[in-house]
């Protein structure tokens, strides 16, 4: 009986702090509008309150990935201005999704560019 009560309490607690679908939708709309800082600012406090929420982690990883891509694939920016911020965003992705192959590949690509130019890789 005590186990059942504990299970119900834990389940109810997890629902209480589960990602709000409205919040996720609003954040995705901001990402789609290329308002990455705003999207991350919406998601970050919710994630800090519930760091085990997979939906929030996925949303944050996705926002950072798109943010990095907005630098990496911006043809108006010279390499000096796009690689460092893109690298920082791709590294953020791995904080929320350590196995994200896309971010890992892009990090490796940028690091290889720095190595080929004989420059230190930004930390």
PDB file of N, CA and C in Angstrom:
ATOM      1  N   UNK A   1       0.823  -1.194   0.000  1.00  0.00           N
ATOM      2  CA  UNK A   1       0.000   0.000   0.000  1.00  0.00           C
ATOM      3  C   UNK A   1       0.869   1.260   0.000  1.00  0.00           C
ATOM      4  N   UNK A   2       1.912   1.236   0.808  1.00  0.00           N
ATOM      5  CA  UNK A   2       2.802   2.392   0.892  1.00  0.00           C
ATOM      6  C   UNK A   2       3.504   2.639  -0.452  1.00  0.00           C
ATOM      7  N   UNK A   3       3.871   1.552  -1.136  1.00  0.00           N
ATOM      8  CA  UNK A   3       4.501   1.689  -2.451  1.00  0.00           C
ATOM      9  C   UNK A   3       3.531   2.323  -3.447  1.00  0.00           C
ATOM     10  N   UNK A   4       2.293   1.910  -3.377  1.00  0.00           N
ATOM     11  CA  UNK A   4       1.274   2.449  -4.275  1.00  0.00           C
ATOM     12  C   UNK A   4       1.103   3.953  -4.041  1.00  0.00           C
ATOM     13  N   UNK A   5       1.052   4.355  -2.809  1.00  0.00           N
ATOM     14  CA  UNK A   5       0.911   5.782  -2.482  1.00  0.00           C
ATOM     15  C   UNK A   5       2.135   6.557  -2.978  1.00  0.00           C
ATOM     16  N   UNK A   6       3.313   6.000  -2.767  1.00  0.00           N
ATOM     17  CA  UNK A   6       4.538   6.654  -3.222  1.00  0.00           C
ATOM     18  C   UNK A   6       4.546   6.777  -4.746  1.00  0.00           C
ATOM     19  N   UNK A   7       4.116   5.725  -5.446  1.00  0.00           N
ATOM     20  CA  UNK A   7       4.065   5.757  -6.896  1.00  0.00           C
ATOM     21  C   UNK A   7       3.097   6.833  -7.373  1.00  0.00           C
ATOM     22  N   UNK A   8       1.913   6.886  -6.787  1.00  0.00           N
ATOM     23  CA  UNK A   8       0.911   7.882  -7.173  1.00  0.00           C
ATOM     24  C   UNK A   8       1.443   9.286  -6.918  1.00  0.00           C
ATOM     25  N   UNK A   9       2.089   9.476  -5.783  1.00  0.00           N
ATOM     26  CA  UNK A   9       2.654  10.783  -5.463  1.00  0.00           C
ATOM     27  C   UNK A   9       3.720  11.177  -6.476  1.00  0.00           C
ATOM     28  N   UNK A  10       4.620  10.270  -6.804  1.00  0.00           N
ATOM     29  CA  UNK A  10       5.687  10.549  -7.772  1.00  0.00           C
ATOM     30  C   UNK A  10       5.114  10.837  -9.158  1.00  0.00           C
ATOM     31  N   UNK A  11       4.111  10.067  -9.547  1.00  0.00           N
ATOM     32  CA  UNK A  11       3.478  10.278 -10.848  1.00  0.00           C
ATOM     33  C   UNK A  11       2.806  11.653 -10.895  1.00  0.00           C
ATOM     34  N   UNK A  12       2.071  11.997  -9.858  1.00  0.00           N
ATOM     35  CA  UNK A  12       1.396  13.292  -9.800  1.00  0.00           C
ATOM     36  C   UNK A  12       2.417  14.429  -9.793  1.00  0.00           C
ATOM     37  N   UNK A  13       3.508  14.250  -9.073  1.00  0.00           N
ATOM     38  CA  UNK A  13       4.567  15.256  -9.013  1.00  0.00           C
ATOM     39  C   UNK A  13       5.192  15.455 -10.385  1.00  0.00           C
ATOM     40  N   UNK A  14       5.428  14.360 -11.096  1.00  0.00           N
ATOM     41  CA  UNK A  14       6.034  14.471 -12.430  1.00  0.00           C
ATOM     42  C   UNK A  14       5.089  15.162 -13.401  1.00  0.00           C
ATOM     43  N   UNK A  15       3.796  14.912 -13.286  1.00  0.00           N
ATOM     44  CA  UNK A  15       2.821  15.590 -14.148  1.00  0.00           C
ATOM     45  C   UNK A  15       2.766  17.077 -13.843  1.00  0.00           C
ATOM     46  N   UNK A  16       2.901  17.406 -12.580  1.00  0.00           N
ATOM     47  CA  UNK A  16       2.850  18.799 -12.167  1.00  0.00           C
ATOM     48  C   UNK A  16       3.981  19.597 -12.811  1.00  0.00           C
ATOM     49  N   UNK A  17       5.138  18.973 -12.927  1.00  0.00           N
ATOM     50  CA  UNK A  17       6.298  19.667 -13.458  1.00  0.00           C
ATOM     51  C   UNK A  17       6.652  19.250 -14.879  1.00  0.00           C
ATOM     52  N   UNK A  18       5.787  18.524 -15.542  1.00  0.00           N
ATOM     53  CA  UNK A  18       6.042  18.127 -16.933  1.00  0.00           C
ATOM     54  C   UNK A  18       5.961  19.366 -17.821  1.00  0.00           C
ATOM     55  N   UNK A  19       6.619  19.277 -18.942  1.00  0.00           N
ATOM     56  CA  UNK A  19       6.644  20.406 -19.870  1.00  0.00           C
ATOM     57  C   UNK A  19       5.228  20.783 -20.285  1.00  0.00           C
ATOM     58  N   UNK A  20       4.949  22.036 -20.220  1.00  0.00           N
ATOM     59  CA  UNK A  20       3.660  22.569 -20.627  1.00  0.00           C
ATOM     60  C   UNK A  20       3.619  22.602 -22.159  1.00  0.00           C
ATOM     61  N   UNK A  21       2.681  21.884 -22.776  1.00  0.00           N
ATOM     62  CA  UNK A  21       2.610  21.871 -24.240  1.00  0.00           C
ATOM     63  C   UNK A  21       2.482  23.271 -24.838  1.00  0.00           C
ATOM     64  N   UNK A  22       1.804  24.148 -24.143  1.00  0.00           N
ATOM     65  CA  UNK A  22       1.651  25.526 -24.613  1.00  0.00           C
ATOM     66  C   UNK A  22       3.015  26.227 -24.637  1.00  0.00           C
ATOM     67  N   UNK A  23       3.814  26.001 -23.613  1.00  0.00           N
ATOM     68  CA  UNK A  23       5.155  26.578 -23.547  1.00  0.00           C
ATOM     69  C   UNK A  23       6.021  26.048 -24.684  1.00  0.00           C
ATOM     70  N   UNK A  24       5.963  24.739 -24.915  1.00  0.00           N
ATOM     71  CA  UNK A  24       6.746  24.134 -25.987  1.00  0.00           C
ATOM     72  C   UNK A  24       6.331  24.682 -27.349  1.00  0.00           C
ATOM     73  N   UNK A  25       5.041  24.851 -27.539  1.00  0.00           N
ATOM     74  CA  UNK A  25       4.533  25.375 -28.805  1.00  0.00           C
ATOM     75  C   UNK A  25       4.969  26.825 -29.007  1.00  0.00           C
ATOM     76  N   UNK A  26       4.890  27.609 -27.954  1.00  0.00           N
ATOM     77  CA  UNK A  26       5.305  29.011 -28.027  1.00  0.00           C
ATOM     78  C   UNK A  26       6.807  29.121 -28.320  1.00  0.00           C
ATOM     79  N   UNK A  27       7.591  28.287 -27.660  1.00  0.00           N
ATOM     80  CA  UNK A  27       9.035  28.294 -27.899  1.00  0.00           C
ATOM     81  C   UNK A  27       9.351  27.873 -29.331  1.00  0.00           C
ATOM     82  N   UNK A  28       8.655  26.861 -29.831  1.00  0.00           N
ATOM     83  CA  UNK A  28       8.886  26.420 -31.209  1.00  0.00           C
ATOM     84  C   UNK A  28       8.528  27.523 -32.203  1.00  0.00           C
ATOM     85  N   UNK A  29       7.471  28.264 -31.922  1.00  0.00           N
ATOM     86  CA  UNK A  29       7.090  29.377 -32.798  1.00  0.00           C
ATOM     87  C   UNK A  29       8.188  30.432 -32.826  1.00  0.00           C
ATOM     88  N   UNK A  30       8.813  30.663 -31.686  1.00  0.00           N
ATOM     89  CA  UNK A  30       9.913  31.628 -31.630  1.00  0.00           C
ATOM     90  C   UNK A  30      11.130  31.109 -32.400  1.00  0.00           C
ATOM     91  N   UNK A  31      11.412  29.824 -32.296  1.00  0.00           N
ATOM     92  CA  UNK A  31      12.511  29.231 -33.064  1.00  0.00           C
ATOM     93  C   UNK A  31      12.216  29.371 -34.555  1.00  0.00           C
ATOM     94  N   UNK A  32      10.999  29.071 -34.947  1.00  0.00           N
ATOM     95  CA  UNK A  32      10.609  29.170 -36.357  1.00  0.00           C
ATOM     96  C   UNK A  32      10.744  30.608 -36.874  1.00  0.00           C
ATOM     97  N   UNK A  33      10.535  31.573 -35.973  1.00  0.00           N
ATOM     98  CA  UNK A  33      10.655  32.988 -36.333  1.00  0.00           C
ATOM     99  C   UNK A  33      12.093  33.487 -36.170  1.00  0.00           C
ATOM    100  N   UNK A  34      12.997  32.569 -35.870  1.00  0.00           N
ATOM    101  CA  UNK A  34      14.421  32.885 -35.689  1.00  0.00           C
ATOM    102  C   UNK A  34      14.665  33.805 -34.493  1.00  0.00           C
ATOM    103  N   UNK A  35      13.808  33.703 -33.493  1.00  0.00           N
ATOM    104  CA  UNK A  35      13.966  34.449 -32.237  1.00  0.00           C
ATOM    105  C   UNK A  35      14.511  33.462 -31.196  1.00  0.00           C
ATOM    106  N   UNK A  36      15.737  33.037 -31.443  1.00  0.00           N
ATOM    107  CA  UNK A  36      16.323  31.953 -30.665  1.00  0.00           C
ATOM    108  C   UNK A  36      16.520  32.317 -29.199  1.00  0.00           C
ATOM    109  N   UNK A  37      17.022  33.525 -28.936  1.00  0.00           N
ATOM    110  CA  UNK A  37      17.231  33.929 -27.543  1.00  0.00           C
ATOM    111  C   UNK A  37      15.920  33.917 -26.761  1.00  0.00           C
ATOM    112  N   UNK A  38      14.849  34.366 -27.402  1.00  0.00           N
ATOM    113  CA  UNK A  38      13.544  34.385 -26.733  1.00  0.00           C
ATOM    114  C   UNK A  38      13.054  32.965 -26.455  1.00  0.00           C
ATOM    115  N   UNK A  39      13.239  32.079 -27.410  1.00  0.00           N
ATOM    116  CA  UNK A  39      12.819  30.689 -27.220  1.00  0.00           C
ATOM    117  C   UNK A  39      13.585  30.051 -26.076  1.00  0.00           C
ATOM    118  N   UNK A  40      14.875  30.255 -26.062  1.00  0.00           N
ATOM    119  CA  UNK A  40      15.715  29.666 -25.007  1.00  0.00           C
ATOM    120  C   UNK A  40      15.366  30.266 -23.660  1.00  0.00           C
ATOM    121  N   UNK A  41      15.069  31.565 -23.626  1.00  0.00           N
ATOM    122  CA  UNK A  41      14.674  32.213 -22.372  1.00  0.00           C
ATOM    123  C   UNK A  41      13.356  31.673 -21.828  1.00  0.00           C
ATOM    124  N   UNK A  42      12.482  31.240 -22.713  1.00  0.00           N
ATOM    125  CA  UNK A  42      11.228  30.620 -22.274  1.00  0.00           C
ATOM    126  C   UNK A  42      11.461  29.224 -21.698  1.00  0.00           C
ATOM    127  N   UNK A  43      12.298  28.463 -22.388  1.00  0.00           N
ATOM    128  CA  UNK A  43      12.500  27.059 -22.024  1.00  0.00           C
ATOM    129  C   UNK A  43      13.433  26.848 -20.835  1.00  0.00           C
ATOM    130  N   UNK A  44      14.430  27.691 -20.718  1.00  0.00           N
ATOM    131  CA  UNK A  44      15.472  27.469 -19.716  1.00  0.00           C
ATOM    132  C   UNK A  44      14.951  27.412 -18.274  1.00  0.00           C
ATOM    133  N   UNK A  45      14.110  28.356 -17.838  1.00  0.00           N
ATOM    134  CA  UNK A  45      13.617  28.260 -16.452  1.00  0.00           C
ATOM    135  C   UNK A  45      12.806  26.989 -16.198  1.00  0.00           C
ATOM    136  N   UNK A  46      12.013  26.580 -17.168  1.00  0.00           N
ATOM    137  CA  UNK A  46      11.222  25.354 -17.010  1.00  0.00           C
ATOM    138  C   UNK A  46      12.139  24.141 -16.915  1.00  0.00           C
ATOM    139  N   UNK A  47      13.197  24.139 -17.716  1.00  0.00           N
ATOM    140  CA  UNK A  47      14.152  23.024 -17.674  1.00  0.00           C
ATOM    141  C   UNK A  47      14.903  22.998 -16.342  1.00  0.00           C
ATOM    142  N   UNK A  48      15.285  24.166 -15.858  1.00  0.00           N
ATOM    143  CA  UNK A  48      15.988  24.233 -14.560  1.00  0.00           C
ATOM    144  C   UNK A  48      15.095  23.726 -13.436  1.00  0.00           C
ATOM    145  N   UNK A  49      13.796  23.964 -13.549  1.00  0.00           N
ATOM    146  CA  UNK A  49      12.852  23.475 -12.540  1.00  0.00           C
ATOM    147  C   UNK A  49      12.647  21.972 -12.644  1.00  0.00           C
ATOM    148  N   UNK A  50      12.851  21.417 -13.842  1.00  0.00           N
ATOM    149  CA  UNK A  50      12.631  19.986 -14.053  1.00  0.00           C
ATOM    150  C   UNK A  50      13.642  19.455 -15.073  1.00  0.00           C
ATOM    151  N   UNK A  51      14.899  19.294 -14.650  1.00  0.00           N
ATOM    152  CA  UNK A  51      15.948  18.897 -15.595  1.00  0.00           C
ATOM    153  C   UNK A  51      15.820  17.483 -16.149  1.00  0.00           C
ATOM    154  N   UNK A  52      14.889  16.715 -15.663  1.00  0.00           N
ATOM    155  CA  UNK A  52      14.703  15.357 -16.186  1.00  0.00           C
ATOM    156  C   UNK A  52      13.597  15.292 -17.231  1.00  0.00           C
ATOM    157  N   UNK A  53      13.023  16.433 -17.558  1.00  0.00           N
ATOM    158  CA  UNK A  53      11.943  16.465 -18.534  1.00  0.00           C
ATOM    159  C   UNK A  53      12.528  16.337 -19.934  1.00  0.00           C
ATOM    160  N   UNK A  54      12.279  15.216 -20.571  1.00  0.00           N
ATOM    161  CA  UNK A  54      12.848  14.928 -21.887  1.00  0.00           C
ATOM    162  C   UNK A  54      12.338  15.888 -22.960  1.00  0.00           C
ATOM    163  N   UNK A  55      11.102  16.296 -22.871  1.00  0.00           N
ATOM    164  CA  UNK A  55      10.543  17.204 -23.874  1.00  0.00           C
ATOM    165  C   UNK A  55      11.216  18.572 -23.813  1.00  0.00           C
ATOM    166  N   UNK A  56      11.483  19.041 -22.604  1.00  0.00           N
ATOM    167  CA  UNK A  56      12.173  20.323 -22.457  1.00  0.00           C
ATOM    168  C   UNK A  56      13.610  20.223 -22.947  1.00  0.00           C
ATOM    169  N   UNK A  57      14.276  19.128 -22.613  1.00  0.00           N
ATOM    170  CA  UNK A  57      15.654  18.931 -23.068  1.00  0.00           C
ATOM    171  C   UNK A  57      15.713  18.887 -24.584  1.00  0.00           C
ATOM    172  N   UNK A  58      14.778  18.180 -25.184  1.00  0.00           N
ATOM    173  CA  UNK A  58      14.735  18.079 -26.644  1.00  0.00           C
ATOM    174  C   UNK A  58      14.468  19.444 -27.271  1.00  0.00           C
ATOM    175  N   UNK A  59      13.560  20.214 -26.688  1.00  0.00           N
ATOM    176  CA  UNK A  59      13.238  21.540 -27.214  1.00  0.00           C
ATOM    177  C   UNK A  59      14.435  22.479 -27.102  1.00  0.00           C
ATOM    178  N   UNK A  60      15.135  22.426 -25.973  1.00  0.00           N
ATOM    179  CA  UNK A  60      16.319  23.269 -25.811  1.00  0.00           C
ATOM    180  C   UNK A  60      17.428  22.866 -26.774  1.00  0.00           C
ATOM    181  N   UNK A  61      17.642  21.574 -26.918  1.00  0.00           N
ATOM    182  CA  UNK A  61      18.658  21.094 -27.856  1.00  0.00           C
ATOM    183  C   UNK A  61      18.309  21.558 -29.270  1.00  0.00           C
ATOM    184  N   UNK A  62      17.058  21.438 -29.635  1.00  0.00           N
ATOM    185  CA  UNK A  62      16.624  21.858 -30.966  1.00  0.00           C
ATOM    186  C   UNK A  62      16.783  23.352 -31.195  1.00  0.00           C
ATOM    187  N   UNK A  63      16.462  24.148 -30.177  1.00  0.00           N
ATOM    188  CA  UNK A  63      16.603  25.605 -30.297  1.00  0.00           C
ATOM    189  C   UNK A  63      18.071  25.984 -30.480  1.00  0.00           C
ATOM    190  N   UNK A  64      18.941  25.370 -29.692  1.00  0.00           N
ATOM    191  CA  UNK A  64      20.371  25.675 -29.807  1.00  0.00           C
ATOM    192  C   UNK A  64      20.934  25.194 -31.152  1.00  0.00           C
ATOM    193  N   UNK A  65      20.462  24.066 -31.629  1.00  0.00           N
ATOM    194  CA  UNK A  65      20.930  23.552 -32.913  1.00  0.00           C
ATOM    195  C   UNK A  65      20.547  24.517 -34.049  1.00  0.00           C
ATOM    196  N   UNK A  66      19.309  24.955 -34.043  1.00  0.00           N
ATOM    197  CA  UNK A  66      18.857  25.897 -35.078  1.00  0.00           C
ATOM    198  C   UNK A  66      19.591  27.238 -34.950  1.00  0.00           C
ATOM    199  N   UNK A  67      19.862  27.638 -33.718  1.00  0.00           N
ATOM    200  CA  UNK A  67      20.599  28.881 -33.475  1.00  0.00           C
ATOM    201  C   UNK A  67      22.009  28.758 -34.068  1.00  0.00           C
ATOM    202  N   UNK A  68      22.658  27.643 -33.804  1.00  0.00           N
ATOM    203  CA  UNK A  68      23.981  27.405 -34.373  1.00  0.00           C
ATOM    204  C   UNK A  68      23.938  27.402 -35.890  1.00  0.00           C
ATOM    205  N   UNK A  69      22.938  26.752 -36.446  1.00  0.00           N
ATOM    206  CA  UNK A  69      22.787  26.703 -37.905  1.00  0.00           C
ATOM    207  C   UNK A  69      22.578  28.100 -38.492  1.00  0.00           C
ATOM    208  N   UNK A  70      21.911  28.968 -37.728  1.00  0.00           N
ATOM    209  CA  UNK A  70      21.665  30.320 -38.237  1.00  0.00           C
ATOM    210  C   UNK A  70      22.965  31.091 -38.416  1.00  0.00           C
ATOM    211  N   UNK A  71      23.971  30.738 -37.648  1.00  0.00           N
ATOM    212  CA  UNK A  71      25.306  31.319 -37.844  1.00  0.00           C
ATOM    213  C   UNK A  71      26.071  30.557 -38.922  1.00  0.00           C
ATOM    214  N   UNK A  72      26.111  29.260 -38.768  1.00  0.00           N
ATOM    215  CA  UNK A  72      26.937  28.408 -39.623  1.00  0.00           C
ATOM    216  C   UNK A  72      26.592  28.553 -41.106  1.00  0.00           C
ATOM    217  N   UNK A  73      25.328  28.657 -41.419  1.00  0.00           N
ATOM    218  CA  UNK A  73      24.898  28.685 -42.806  1.00  0.00           C
ATOM    219  C   UNK A  73      24.476  30.075 -43.290  1.00  0.00           C
ATOM    220  N   UNK A  74      24.875  31.094 -42.546  1.00  0.00           N
ATOM    221  CA  UNK A  74      24.583  32.467 -42.948  1.00  0.00           C
ATOM    222  C   UNK A  74      25.678  32.926 -43.911  1.00  0.00           C
ATOM    223  N   UNK A  75      25.356  32.962 -45.173  1.00  0.00           N
ATOM    224  CA  UNK A  75      26.343  33.300 -46.202  1.00  0.00           C
ATOM    225  C   UNK A  75      26.766  34.761 -46.162  1.00  0.00           C
ATOM    226  N   UNK A  76      26.028  35.578 -45.434  1.00  0.00           N
ATOM    227  CA  UNK A  76      26.391  36.987 -45.311  1.00  0.00           C
ATOM    228  C   UNK A  76      27.477  37.208 -44.266  1.00  0.00           C
ATOM    229  N   UNK A  77      27.697  36.215 -43.426  1.00  0.00           N
ATOM    230  CA  UNK A  77      28.728  36.338 -42.396  1.00  0.00           C
ATOM    231  C   UNK A  77      30.029  35.710 -42.868  1.00  0.00           C
ATOM    232  N   UNK A  78      31.140  36.409 -42.661  1.00  0.00           N
ATOM    233  CA  UNK A  78      32.427  35.788 -42.973  1.00  0.00           C
ATOM    234  C   UNK A  78      32.751  34.719 -41.918  1.00  0.00           C
ATOM    235  N   UNK A  79      33.632  33.780 -42.245  1.00  0.00           N
ATOM    236  CA  UNK A  79      33.969  32.711 -41.299  1.00  0.00           C
ATOM    237  C   UNK A  79      34.368  33.216 -39.918  1.00  0.00           C
ATOM    238  N   UNK A  80      35.051  34.336 -39.865  1.00  0.00           N
ATOM    239  CA  UNK A  80      35.484  34.874 -38.562  1.00  0.00           C
ATOM    240  C   UNK A  80      34.303  35.181 -37.651  1.00  0.00           C
ATOM    241  N   UNK A  81      33.170  35.482 -38.242  1.00  0.00           N
ATOM    242  CA  UNK A  81      32.009  35.887 -37.452  1.00  0.00           C
ATOM    243  C   UNK A  81      30.996  34.775 -37.248  1.00  0.00           C
ATOM    244  N   UNK A  82      31.139  33.669 -37.942  1.00  0.00           N
ATOM    245  CA  UNK A  82      30.110  32.647 -37.791  1.00  0.00           C
ATOM    246  C   UNK A  82      30.569  31.406 -37.041  1.00  0.00           C
ATOM    247  N   UNK A  83      31.814  31.038 -37.158  1.00  0.00           N
ATOM    248  CA  UNK A  83      32.239  29.773 -36.557  1.00  0.00           C
ATOM    249  C   UNK A  83      32.208  29.785 -35.025  1.00  0.00           C
ATOM    250  N   UNK A  84      32.693  30.836 -34.410  1.00  0.00           N
ATOM    251  CA  UNK A  84      32.741  30.874 -32.939  1.00  0.00           C
ATOM    252  C   UNK A  84      31.338  30.792 -32.319  1.00  0.00           C
ATOM    253  N   UNK A  85      30.367  31.646 -32.734  1.00  0.00           N
ATOM    254  CA  UNK A  85      29.035  31.535 -32.127  1.00  0.00           C
ATOM    255  C   UNK A  85      28.324  30.225 -32.495  1.00  0.00           C
ATOM    256  N   UNK A  86      28.550  29.737 -33.714  1.00  0.00           N
ATOM    257  CA  UNK A  86      27.944  28.454 -34.092  1.00  0.00           C
ATOM    258  C   UNK A  86      28.477  27.342 -33.209  1.00  0.00           C
ATOM    259  N   UNK A  87      29.783  27.337 -33.003  1.00  0.00           N
ATOM    260  CA  UNK A  87      30.410  26.322 -32.151  1.00  0.00           C
ATOM    261  C   UNK A  87      29.845  26.372 -30.736  1.00  0.00           C
ATOM    262  N   UNK A  88      29.683  27.569 -30.212  1.00  0.00           N
ATOM    263  CA  UNK A  88      29.123  27.720 -28.853  1.00  0.00           C
ATOM    264  C   UNK A  88      27.709  27.133 -28.782  1.00  0.00           C
ATOM    265  N   UNK A  89      26.895  27.386 -29.795  1.00  0.00           N
ATOM    266  CA  UNK A  89      25.521  26.861 -29.788  1.00  0.00           C
ATOM    267  C   UNK A  89      25.506  25.345 -29.929  1.00  0.00           C
ATOM    268  N   UNK A  90      26.355  24.800 -30.789  1.00  0.00           N
ATOM    269  CA  UNK A  90      26.397  23.343 -30.955  1.00  0.00           C
ATOM    270  C   UNK A  90      26.859  22.666 -29.668  1.00  0.00           C
ATOM    271  N   UNK A  91      27.747  23.301 -28.952  1.00  0.00           N
ATOM    272  CA  UNK A  91      28.169  22.745 -27.656  1.00  0.00           C
ATOM    273  C   UNK A  91      27.021  22.770 -26.653  1.00  0.00           C
ATOM    274  N   UNK A  92      26.200  23.807 -26.723  1.00  0.00           N
ATOM    275  CA  UNK A  92      25.017  23.869 -25.856  1.00  0.00           C
ATOM    276  C   UNK A  92      24.068  22.714 -26.144  1.00  0.00           C
ATOM    277  N   UNK A  93      23.932  22.349 -27.403  1.00  0.00           N
ATOM    278  CA  UNK A  93      23.063  21.227 -27.773  1.00  0.00           C
ATOM    279  C   UNK A  93      23.449  19.993 -26.960  1.00  0.00           C
ATOM    280  N   UNK A  94      24.758  19.746 -26.852  1.00  0.00           N
ATOM    281  CA  UNK A  94      25.234  18.537 -26.175  1.00  0.00           C
ATOM    282  C   UNK A  94      24.971  18.557 -24.672  1.00  0.00           C
ATOM    283  N   UNK A  95      24.702  19.714 -24.107  1.00  0.00           N
ATOM    284  CA  UNK A  95      24.329  19.782 -22.686  1.00  0.00           C
ATOM    285  C   UNK A  95      22.950  19.157 -22.459  1.00  0.00           C
ATOM    286  N   UNK A  96      22.115  19.222 -23.484  1.00  0.00           N
ATOM    287  CA  UNK A  96      20.753  18.719 -23.370  1.00  0.00           C
ATOM    288  C   UNK A  96      20.551  17.382 -24.079  1.00  0.00           C
ATOM    289  N   UNK A  97      21.422  17.103 -25.029  1.00  0.00           N
ATOM    290  CA  UNK A  97      21.343  15.861 -25.808  1.00  0.00           C
ATOM    291  C   UNK A  97      22.768  15.440 -26.158  1.00  0.00           C
ATOM    292  N   UNK A  98      23.413  14.766 -25.217  1.00  0.00           N
ATOM    293  CA  UNK A  98      24.842  14.457 -25.363  1.00  0.00           C
ATOM    294  C   UNK A  98      25.142  13.543 -26.546  1.00  0.00           C
ATOM    295  N   UNK A  99      24.155  12.861 -27.065  1.00  0.00           N
ATOM    296  CA  UNK A  99      24.354  11.936 -28.182  1.00  0.00           C
ATOM    297  C   UNK A  99      23.915  12.524 -29.524  1.00  0.00           C
ATOM    298  N   UNK A 100      23.689  13.816 -29.580  1.00  0.00           N
ATOM    299  CA  UNK A 100      23.205  14.443 -30.809  1.00  0.00           C
ATOM    300  C   UNK A 100      24.295  14.401 -31.881  1.00  0.00           C
ATOM    301  N   UNK A 101      24.112  13.536 -32.858  1.00  0.00           N
ATOM    302  CA  UNK A 101      25.113  13.320 -33.913  1.00  0.00           C
ATOM    303  C   UNK A 101      25.280  14.558 -34.790  1.00  0.00           C
ATOM    304  N   UNK A 102      24.199  15.254 -35.063  1.00  0.00           N
ATOM    305  CA  UNK A 102      24.266  16.447 -35.900  1.00  0.00           C
ATOM    306  C   UNK A 102      25.177  17.494 -35.258  1.00  0.00           C
ATOM    307  N   UNK A 103      24.951  17.779 -33.978  1.00  0.00           N
ATOM    308  CA  UNK A 103      25.787  18.756 -33.279  1.00  0.00           C
ATOM    309  C   UNK A 103      27.234  18.274 -33.196  1.00  0.00           C
ATOM    310  N   UNK A 104      27.431  16.990 -32.920  1.00  0.00           N
ATOM    311  CA  UNK A 104      28.792  16.447 -32.834  1.00  0.00           C
ATOM    312  C   UNK A 104      29.531  16.618 -34.161  1.00  0.00           C
ATOM    313  N   UNK A 105      28.848  16.329 -35.257  1.00  0.00           N
ATOM    314  CA  UNK A 105      29.460  16.454 -36.586  1.00  0.00           C
ATOM    315  C   UNK A 105      29.811  17.907 -36.884  1.00  0.00           C
ATOM    316  N   UNK A 106      28.913  18.811 -36.563  1.00  0.00           N
ATOM    317  CA  UNK A 106      29.157  20.228 -36.837  1.00  0.00           C
ATOM    318  C   UNK A 106      30.271  20.785 -35.964  1.00  0.00           C
ATOM    319  N   UNK A 107      30.355  20.329 -34.730  1.00  0.00           N
ATOM    320  CA  UNK A 107      31.461  20.732 -33.853  1.00  0.00           C
ATOM    321  C   UNK A 107      32.780  20.263 -34.458  1.00  0.00           C
ATOM    322  N   UNK A 108      32.809  19.021 -34.882  1.00  0.00           N
ATOM    323  CA  UNK A 108      34.029  18.470 -35.480  1.00  0.00           C
ATOM    324  C   UNK A 108      34.419  19.238 -36.736  1.00  0.00           C
ATOM    325  N   UNK A 109      33.452  19.593 -37.559  1.00  0.00           N
ATOM    326  CA  UNK A 109      33.721  20.357 -38.776  1.00  0.00           C
ATOM    327  C   UNK A 109      34.362  21.701 -38.437  1.00  0.00           C
ATOM    328  N   UNK A 110      33.782  22.409 -37.491  1.00  0.00           N
ATOM    329  CA  UNK A 110      34.310  23.728 -37.109  1.00  0.00           C
ATOM    330  C   UNK A 110      35.696  23.578 -36.488  1.00  0.00           C
ATOM    331  N   UNK A 111      35.863  22.594 -35.626  1.00  0.00           N
ATOM    332  CA  UNK A 111      37.182  22.386 -35.019  1.00  0.00           C
ATOM    333  C   UNK A 111      38.225  22.069 -36.086  1.00  0.00           C
ATOM    334  N   UNK A 112      37.845  21.316 -37.099  1.00  0.00           N
ATOM    335  CA  UNK A 112      38.770  21.007 -38.194  1.00  0.00           C
ATOM    336  C   UNK A 112      39.137  22.260 -38.990  1.00  0.00           C
ATOM    337  N   UNK A 113      38.193  23.162 -39.154  1.00  0.00           N
ATOM    338  CA  UNK A 113      38.481  24.423 -39.839  1.00  0.00           C
ATOM    339  C   UNK A 113      39.531  25.201 -39.047  1.00  0.00           C
ATOM    340  N   UNK A 114      39.344  25.311 -37.744  1.00  0.00           N
ATOM    341  CA  UNK A 114      40.317  26.016 -36.903  1.00  0.00           C
ATOM    342  C   UNK A 114      41.694  25.336 -36.990  1.00  0.00           C
ATOM    343  N   UNK A 115      41.711  24.017 -36.913  1.00  0.00           N
ATOM    344  CA  UNK A 115      42.985  23.286 -36.999  1.00  0.00           C
ATOM    345  C   UNK A 115      43.661  23.517 -38.345  1.00  0.00           C
ATOM    346  N   UNK A 116      42.892  23.495 -39.429  1.00  0.00           N
ATOM    347  CA  UNK A 116      43.477  23.663 -40.766  1.00  0.00           C
ATOM    348  C   UNK A 116      44.059  25.060 -40.948  1.00  0.00           C
ATOM    349  N   UNK A 117      43.541  26.027 -40.203  1.00  0.00           N
ATOM    350  CA  UNK A 117      44.063  27.389 -40.291  1.00  0.00           C
ATOM    351  C   UNK A 117      45.185  27.618 -39.272  1.00  0.00           C
ATOM    352  N   UNK A 118      45.497  26.593 -38.494  1.00  0.00           N
ATOM    353  CA  UNK A 118      46.541  26.734 -37.481  1.00  0.00           C
ATOM    354  C   UNK A 118      46.148  27.626 -36.326  1.00  0.00           C
ATOM    355  N   UNK A 119      44.854  27.725 -36.091  1.00  0.00           N
ATOM    356  CA  UNK A 119      44.341  28.582 -35.010  1.00  0.00           C
ATOM    357  C   UNK A 119      43.850  27.723 -33.850  1.00  0.00           C
ATOM    358  N   UNK A 120      43.932  28.267 -32.642  1.00  0.00           N
ATOM    359  CA  UNK A 120      43.404  27.521 -31.496  1.00  0.00           C
ATOM    360  C   UNK A 120      41.888  27.413 -31.573  1.00  0.00           C
ATOM    361  N   UNK A 121      41.385  26.283 -31.132  1.00  0.00           N
ATOM    362  CA  UNK A 121      39.931  26.065 -31.110  1.00  0.00           C
ATOM    363  C   UNK A 121      39.353  26.823 -29.921  1.00  0.00           C
ATOM    364  N   UNK A 122      38.341  27.664 -30.173  1.00  0.00           N
ATOM    365  CA  UNK A 122      37.726  28.417 -29.055  1.00  0.00           C
ATOM    366  C   UNK A 122      37.186  27.464 -27.987  1.00  0.00           C
ATOM    367  N   UNK A 123      37.300  27.876 -26.774  1.00  0.00           N
ATOM    368  CA  UNK A 123      36.771  27.093 -25.636  1.00  0.00           C
ATOM    369  C   UNK A 123      35.359  27.467 -25.345  1.00  0.00           C
TER     370      UNK A 123
END
